[in-house]
């Protein structure tokens, strides 16, 4: 059974940092690319950042230079370091393994100006 548990969200002021974590189980974590998505109220879910099994990364233009995705295969965990947060980063953040249709409960990030 695949489980994804996102954590680390919160309500913060603009300009500060947060680090999200996603702990995965039930998959061969090290063989899967991992992607962070987010969904703001009234908007479609969008890709934020991806890290391949080999460590290559890709980011949405809106977060380039501010967010960093990383992974720890020993802990089956993917991280999203979010710096210089903006109100438009407010969303529920989810992680996803590869192209599997598995999703966790998400973690809420709220950034106030």
N, C-alpha and C. Protein backbone atom coordinates (compact mmCIF):
# COMPACT_ATOMS: atom_id res chain seq x y z
N UNK A 1 0.85 -1.19 0.00
CA UNK A 1 0.00 0.00 0.00
C UNK A 1 0.88 1.24 0.00
N UNK A 2 0.63 2.11 -0.95
CA UNK A 2 1.42 3.33 -1.06
C UNK A 2 0.89 4.38 -0.09
N UNK A 3 1.80 4.97 0.67
CA UNK A 3 1.44 6.06 1.56
C UNK A 3 2.39 7.22 1.35
N UNK A 4 1.81 8.41 1.30
CA UNK A 4 2.58 9.63 1.18
C UNK A 4 2.12 10.57 2.28
N UNK A 5 3.04 11.02 3.10
CA UNK A 5 2.69 11.88 4.23
C UNK A 5 3.48 13.17 4.12
N UNK A 6 2.76 14.23 3.77
CA UNK A 6 3.38 15.55 3.65
C UNK A 6 3.30 16.27 4.99
N UNK A 7 4.31 17.07 5.29
CA UNK A 7 4.32 17.83 6.54
C UNK A 7 5.20 19.06 6.37
N UNK A 8 5.12 19.95 7.35
CA UNK A 8 5.98 21.12 7.36
C UNK A 8 5.31 22.42 6.97
N UNK A 9 4.05 22.37 6.58
CA UNK A 9 3.37 23.59 6.20
C UNK A 9 3.06 24.46 7.41
N UNK A 10 2.50 25.62 7.14
CA UNK A 10 2.14 26.53 8.21
C UNK A 10 1.68 27.86 7.68
N UNK A 11 1.39 28.76 8.60
CA UNK A 11 0.98 30.13 8.26
C UNK A 11 2.14 31.05 8.61
N UNK A 12 2.66 31.73 7.60
CA UNK A 12 3.85 32.55 7.79
C UNK A 12 3.69 33.90 7.11
N UNK A 13 4.59 34.80 7.44
CA UNK A 13 4.64 36.10 6.78
C UNK A 13 5.46 36.00 5.50
N UNK A 14 5.18 36.86 4.58
CA UNK A 14 5.96 36.90 3.35
C UNK A 14 7.43 37.13 3.66
N UNK A 15 8.27 36.46 2.88
CA UNK A 15 9.71 36.63 3.03
C UNK A 15 10.41 35.57 3.85
N UNK A 16 9.65 34.81 4.62
CA UNK A 16 10.29 33.79 5.45
C UNK A 16 10.41 32.48 4.67
N UNK A 17 10.96 31.48 5.36
CA UNK A 17 11.20 30.19 4.73
C UNK A 17 10.42 29.08 5.43
N UNK A 18 10.13 28.05 4.68
CA UNK A 18 9.56 26.81 5.20
C UNK A 18 10.23 25.65 4.50
N UNK A 19 10.29 24.52 5.17
CA UNK A 19 10.76 23.29 4.53
C UNK A 19 9.67 22.23 4.68
N UNK A 20 9.21 21.78 3.53
CA UNK A 20 8.22 20.71 3.49
C UNK A 20 8.92 19.36 3.37
N UNK A 21 8.28 18.35 3.93
CA UNK A 21 8.78 16.99 3.83
C UNK A 21 7.65 16.09 3.32
N UNK A 22 8.04 15.06 2.60
CA UNK A 22 7.08 14.05 2.16
C UNK A 22 7.73 12.70 2.36
N UNK A 23 7.17 11.94 3.29
CA UNK A 23 7.67 10.59 3.57
C UNK A 23 6.84 9.58 2.79
N UNK A 24 7.52 8.75 2.03
CA UNK A 24 6.84 7.78 1.17
C UNK A 24 7.10 6.36 1.65
N UNK A 25 6.09 5.52 1.48
CA UNK A 25 6.24 4.10 1.77
C UNK A 25 5.41 3.32 0.76
N UNK A 26 5.77 2.05 0.60
CA UNK A 26 5.03 1.21 -0.33
C UNK A 26 5.50 1.30 -1.76
N UNK A 27 6.56 2.07 -2.00
CA UNK A 27 7.16 2.17 -3.33
C UNK A 27 8.66 1.97 -3.19
N UNK A 28 9.30 1.66 -4.31
CA UNK A 28 10.77 1.64 -4.30
C UNK A 28 11.20 3.08 -4.54
N UNK A 29 11.34 3.79 -3.43
CA UNK A 29 11.51 5.23 -3.48
C UNK A 29 12.67 5.64 -4.37
N UNK A 30 13.79 4.97 -4.23
CA UNK A 30 15.00 5.41 -4.93
C UNK A 30 14.88 5.32 -6.44
N UNK A 31 13.94 4.54 -6.93
CA UNK A 31 13.78 4.37 -8.38
C UNK A 31 12.78 5.35 -8.99
N UNK A 32 12.11 6.11 -8.15
CA UNK A 32 11.07 7.00 -8.63
C UNK A 32 11.49 8.46 -8.63
N UNK A 33 11.17 9.16 -9.70
CA UNK A 33 11.19 10.61 -9.62
C UNK A 33 10.13 11.03 -8.61
N UNK A 34 10.35 12.15 -7.97
CA UNK A 34 9.38 12.67 -7.01
C UNK A 34 9.07 14.12 -7.39
N UNK A 35 7.81 14.45 -7.31
CA UNK A 35 7.36 15.78 -7.72
C UNK A 35 6.52 16.41 -6.63
N UNK A 36 6.74 17.69 -6.41
CA UNK A 36 5.87 18.49 -5.56
C UNK A 36 4.88 19.25 -6.46
N UNK A 37 3.63 19.20 -6.06
CA UNK A 37 2.57 19.97 -6.71
C UNK A 37 1.95 20.88 -5.66
N UNK A 38 1.19 21.85 -6.13
CA UNK A 38 0.40 22.67 -5.22
C UNK A 38 -0.92 23.04 -5.86
N UNK A 39 -1.89 23.27 -5.00
CA UNK A 39 -3.21 23.66 -5.48
C UNK A 39 -3.73 24.78 -4.61
N UNK A 40 -3.90 25.94 -5.23
CA UNK A 40 -4.46 27.10 -4.54
C UNK A 40 -5.98 27.06 -4.67
N UNK A 41 -6.68 27.73 -3.77
CA UNK A 41 -8.15 27.74 -3.82
C UNK A 41 -8.65 28.22 -5.18
N UNK A 42 -9.55 27.45 -5.78
CA UNK A 42 -10.15 27.83 -7.04
C UNK A 42 -9.26 27.65 -8.26
N UNK A 43 -8.09 27.05 -8.05
CA UNK A 43 -7.16 26.87 -9.16
C UNK A 43 -6.84 25.39 -9.36
N UNK A 44 -6.31 25.08 -10.54
CA UNK A 44 -5.90 23.70 -10.82
C UNK A 44 -4.59 23.39 -10.10
N UNK A 45 -4.40 22.11 -9.85
CA UNK A 45 -3.14 21.67 -9.27
C UNK A 45 -2.01 21.93 -10.27
N UNK A 46 -0.89 22.44 -9.80
CA UNK A 46 0.22 22.76 -10.69
C UNK A 46 1.51 22.15 -10.18
N UNK A 47 2.38 21.83 -11.12
CA UNK A 47 3.69 21.27 -10.78
C UNK A 47 4.58 22.37 -10.21
N UNK A 48 5.25 22.06 -9.13
CA UNK A 48 6.16 23.02 -8.50
C UNK A 48 7.61 22.64 -8.79
N UNK A 49 7.98 21.40 -8.50
CA UNK A 49 9.37 20.97 -8.67
C UNK A 49 9.42 19.46 -8.76
N UNK A 50 10.40 18.98 -9.54
CA UNK A 50 10.61 17.55 -9.71
C UNK A 50 12.07 17.22 -9.49
N UNK A 51 12.30 16.06 -8.89
CA UNK A 51 13.66 15.54 -8.78
C UNK A 51 13.64 14.10 -9.28
N UNK A 52 14.55 13.80 -10.20
CA UNK A 52 14.60 12.45 -10.75
C UNK A 52 15.29 11.50 -9.77
N UNK A 53 15.26 10.23 -10.12
CA UNK A 53 15.93 9.25 -9.28
C UNK A 53 17.43 9.52 -9.23
N UNK A 54 17.94 10.15 -10.26
CA UNK A 54 19.36 10.47 -10.32
C UNK A 54 19.73 11.81 -9.73
N UNK A 55 18.71 12.55 -9.27
CA UNK A 55 18.98 13.82 -8.61
C UNK A 55 18.86 15.04 -9.49
N UNK A 56 18.45 14.87 -10.75
CA UNK A 56 18.24 16.04 -11.60
C UNK A 56 16.95 16.75 -11.18
N UNK A 57 16.96 18.06 -11.25
CA UNK A 57 15.82 18.82 -10.77
C UNK A 57 15.25 19.72 -11.85
N UNK A 58 13.98 20.05 -11.66
CA UNK A 58 13.29 20.95 -12.57
C UNK A 58 12.27 21.73 -11.76
N UNK A 59 12.10 23.01 -12.10
CA UNK A 59 11.23 23.88 -11.32
C UNK A 59 10.27 24.65 -12.20
N UNK A 60 9.11 24.97 -11.65
CA UNK A 60 8.21 25.92 -12.29
C UNK A 60 8.89 27.28 -12.29
N UNK A 61 8.62 28.05 -13.32
CA UNK A 61 9.26 29.37 -13.42
C UNK A 61 8.95 30.24 -12.21
N UNK A 62 7.77 30.06 -11.66
CA UNK A 62 7.33 30.92 -10.55
C UNK A 62 8.12 30.68 -9.26
N UNK A 63 8.83 29.57 -9.16
CA UNK A 63 9.56 29.27 -7.92
C UNK A 63 11.07 29.15 -8.13
N UNK A 64 11.52 29.25 -9.37
CA UNK A 64 12.96 29.14 -9.65
C UNK A 64 13.74 30.18 -8.87
N UNK A 65 14.82 29.72 -8.26
CA UNK A 65 15.65 30.62 -7.48
C UNK A 65 15.19 30.80 -6.05
N UNK A 66 13.99 30.34 -5.73
CA UNK A 66 13.47 30.47 -4.36
C UNK A 66 13.26 29.11 -3.69
N UNK A 67 12.87 28.12 -4.46
CA UNK A 67 12.58 26.79 -3.92
C UNK A 67 13.67 25.82 -4.34
N UNK A 68 13.95 24.85 -3.47
CA UNK A 68 14.91 23.80 -3.77
C UNK A 68 14.32 22.45 -3.37
N UNK A 69 14.29 21.54 -4.32
CA UNK A 69 13.82 20.19 -4.05
C UNK A 69 15.03 19.29 -3.81
N UNK A 70 14.90 18.38 -2.87
CA UNK A 70 15.98 17.44 -2.59
C UNK A 70 15.36 16.14 -2.10
N UNK A 71 16.18 15.11 -2.02
CA UNK A 71 15.66 13.82 -1.58
C UNK A 71 16.70 13.10 -0.73
N UNK A 72 16.20 12.28 0.17
CA UNK A 72 17.05 11.42 0.99
C UNK A 72 16.52 10.00 0.81
N UNK A 73 17.18 9.25 -0.04
CA UNK A 73 16.71 7.90 -0.35
C UNK A 73 16.78 6.97 0.85
N UNK A 74 17.69 7.24 1.76
CA UNK A 74 17.79 6.41 2.96
C UNK A 74 16.57 6.58 3.87
N UNK A 75 15.95 7.74 3.77
CA UNK A 75 14.77 8.02 4.60
C UNK A 75 13.47 7.99 3.80
N UNK A 76 13.57 7.65 2.51
CA UNK A 76 12.38 7.63 1.64
C UNK A 76 11.60 8.94 1.74
N UNK A 77 12.34 10.02 1.72
CA UNK A 77 11.73 11.33 1.94
C UNK A 77 12.22 12.33 0.89
N UNK A 78 11.28 13.13 0.43
CA UNK A 78 11.61 14.24 -0.47
C UNK A 78 11.28 15.54 0.25
N UNK A 79 12.09 16.54 0.01
CA UNK A 79 11.95 17.82 0.70
C UNK A 79 11.70 18.94 -0.31
N UNK A 80 11.10 20.01 0.18
CA UNK A 80 10.98 21.23 -0.61
C UNK A 80 11.33 22.39 0.31
N UNK A 81 12.51 22.95 0.09
CA UNK A 81 12.93 24.14 0.82
C UNK A 81 12.38 25.35 0.10
N UNK A 82 11.58 26.12 0.80
CA UNK A 82 10.91 27.27 0.20
C UNK A 82 11.41 28.54 0.89
N UNK A 83 12.11 29.36 0.14
CA UNK A 83 12.63 30.62 0.67
C UNK A 83 11.90 31.79 0.05
N UNK A 84 12.00 32.93 0.69
CA UNK A 84 11.40 34.16 0.18
C UNK A 84 9.95 33.93 -0.23
N UNK A 85 9.19 33.37 0.67
CA UNK A 85 7.81 33.03 0.36
C UNK A 85 6.99 34.27 0.04
N UNK A 86 6.05 34.10 -0.89
CA UNK A 86 5.17 35.17 -1.33
C UNK A 86 3.72 34.76 -1.08
N UNK A 87 2.82 35.73 -0.99
CA UNK A 87 1.40 35.36 -0.80
C UNK A 87 0.89 34.44 -1.89
N UNK A 88 1.40 34.58 -3.10
CA UNK A 88 0.94 33.72 -4.20
C UNK A 88 1.43 32.28 -4.08
N UNK A 89 2.27 32.00 -3.10
CA UNK A 89 2.68 30.62 -2.83
C UNK A 89 1.65 29.90 -1.95
N UNK A 90 0.66 30.62 -1.49
CA UNK A 90 -0.37 30.01 -0.65
C UNK A 90 -1.10 28.91 -1.41
N UNK A 91 -1.10 27.72 -0.84
CA UNK A 91 -1.70 26.55 -1.49
C UNK A 91 -1.56 25.34 -0.57
N UNK A 92 -2.22 24.27 -0.98
CA UNK A 92 -1.96 22.97 -0.38
C UNK A 92 -0.90 22.30 -1.24
N UNK A 93 0.13 21.81 -0.60
CA UNK A 93 1.26 21.20 -1.31
C UNK A 93 1.20 19.68 -1.16
N UNK A 94 1.40 19.00 -2.30
CA UNK A 94 1.34 17.54 -2.36
C UNK A 94 2.62 17.01 -3.01
N UNK A 95 2.97 15.79 -2.67
CA UNK A 95 4.04 15.12 -3.39
C UNK A 95 3.46 13.92 -4.14
N UNK A 96 4.18 13.52 -5.18
CA UNK A 96 3.71 12.42 -6.03
C UNK A 96 4.91 11.65 -6.53
N UNK A 97 4.84 10.33 -6.47
CA UNK A 97 5.93 9.51 -7.00
C UNK A 97 5.74 9.22 -8.47
N UNK A 98 6.73 9.50 -9.28
CA UNK A 98 6.69 9.19 -10.70
C UNK A 98 5.42 9.72 -11.35
N UNK A 99 4.78 8.85 -12.12
CA UNK A 99 3.51 9.19 -12.74
C UNK A 99 2.36 8.41 -12.11
N UNK A 100 2.64 7.83 -10.93
CA UNK A 100 1.60 7.09 -10.23
C UNK A 100 0.51 8.04 -9.76
N UNK A 101 -0.70 7.55 -9.75
CA UNK A 101 -1.83 8.35 -9.28
C UNK A 101 -2.03 8.15 -7.78
N UNK A 102 -0.97 8.43 -7.02
CA UNK A 102 -1.02 8.36 -5.58
C UNK A 102 -0.77 9.76 -5.02
N UNK A 103 -1.59 10.12 -4.05
CA UNK A 103 -1.47 11.44 -3.45
C UNK A 103 -1.63 11.33 -1.95
N UNK A 104 -0.93 12.17 -1.23
CA UNK A 104 -1.13 12.25 0.21
C UNK A 104 -2.23 13.24 0.54
N UNK A 105 -2.30 13.59 1.81
CA UNK A 105 -3.35 14.51 2.26
C UNK A 105 -2.95 15.97 2.01
N UNK A 106 -1.68 16.17 1.72
CA UNK A 106 -1.21 17.53 1.47
C UNK A 106 -0.88 18.27 2.76
N UNK A 107 -0.16 19.36 2.61
CA UNK A 107 0.15 20.22 3.74
C UNK A 107 -0.11 21.67 3.33
N UNK A 108 -0.82 22.39 4.17
CA UNK A 108 -1.26 23.74 3.84
C UNK A 108 -0.14 24.74 4.11
N UNK A 109 0.11 25.58 3.12
CA UNK A 109 1.03 26.71 3.28
C UNK A 109 0.24 27.98 3.04
N UNK A 110 0.26 28.86 4.01
CA UNK A 110 -0.44 30.14 3.90
C UNK A 110 0.56 31.25 4.15
N UNK A 111 0.70 32.13 3.18
CA UNK A 111 1.66 33.23 3.28
C UNK A 111 0.90 34.55 3.25
N UNK A 112 1.08 35.32 4.29
CA UNK A 112 0.39 36.61 4.38
C UNK A 112 1.37 37.74 4.12
N UNK A 113 0.84 38.80 3.58
CA UNK A 113 1.70 39.95 3.22
C UNK A 113 1.86 40.90 4.40
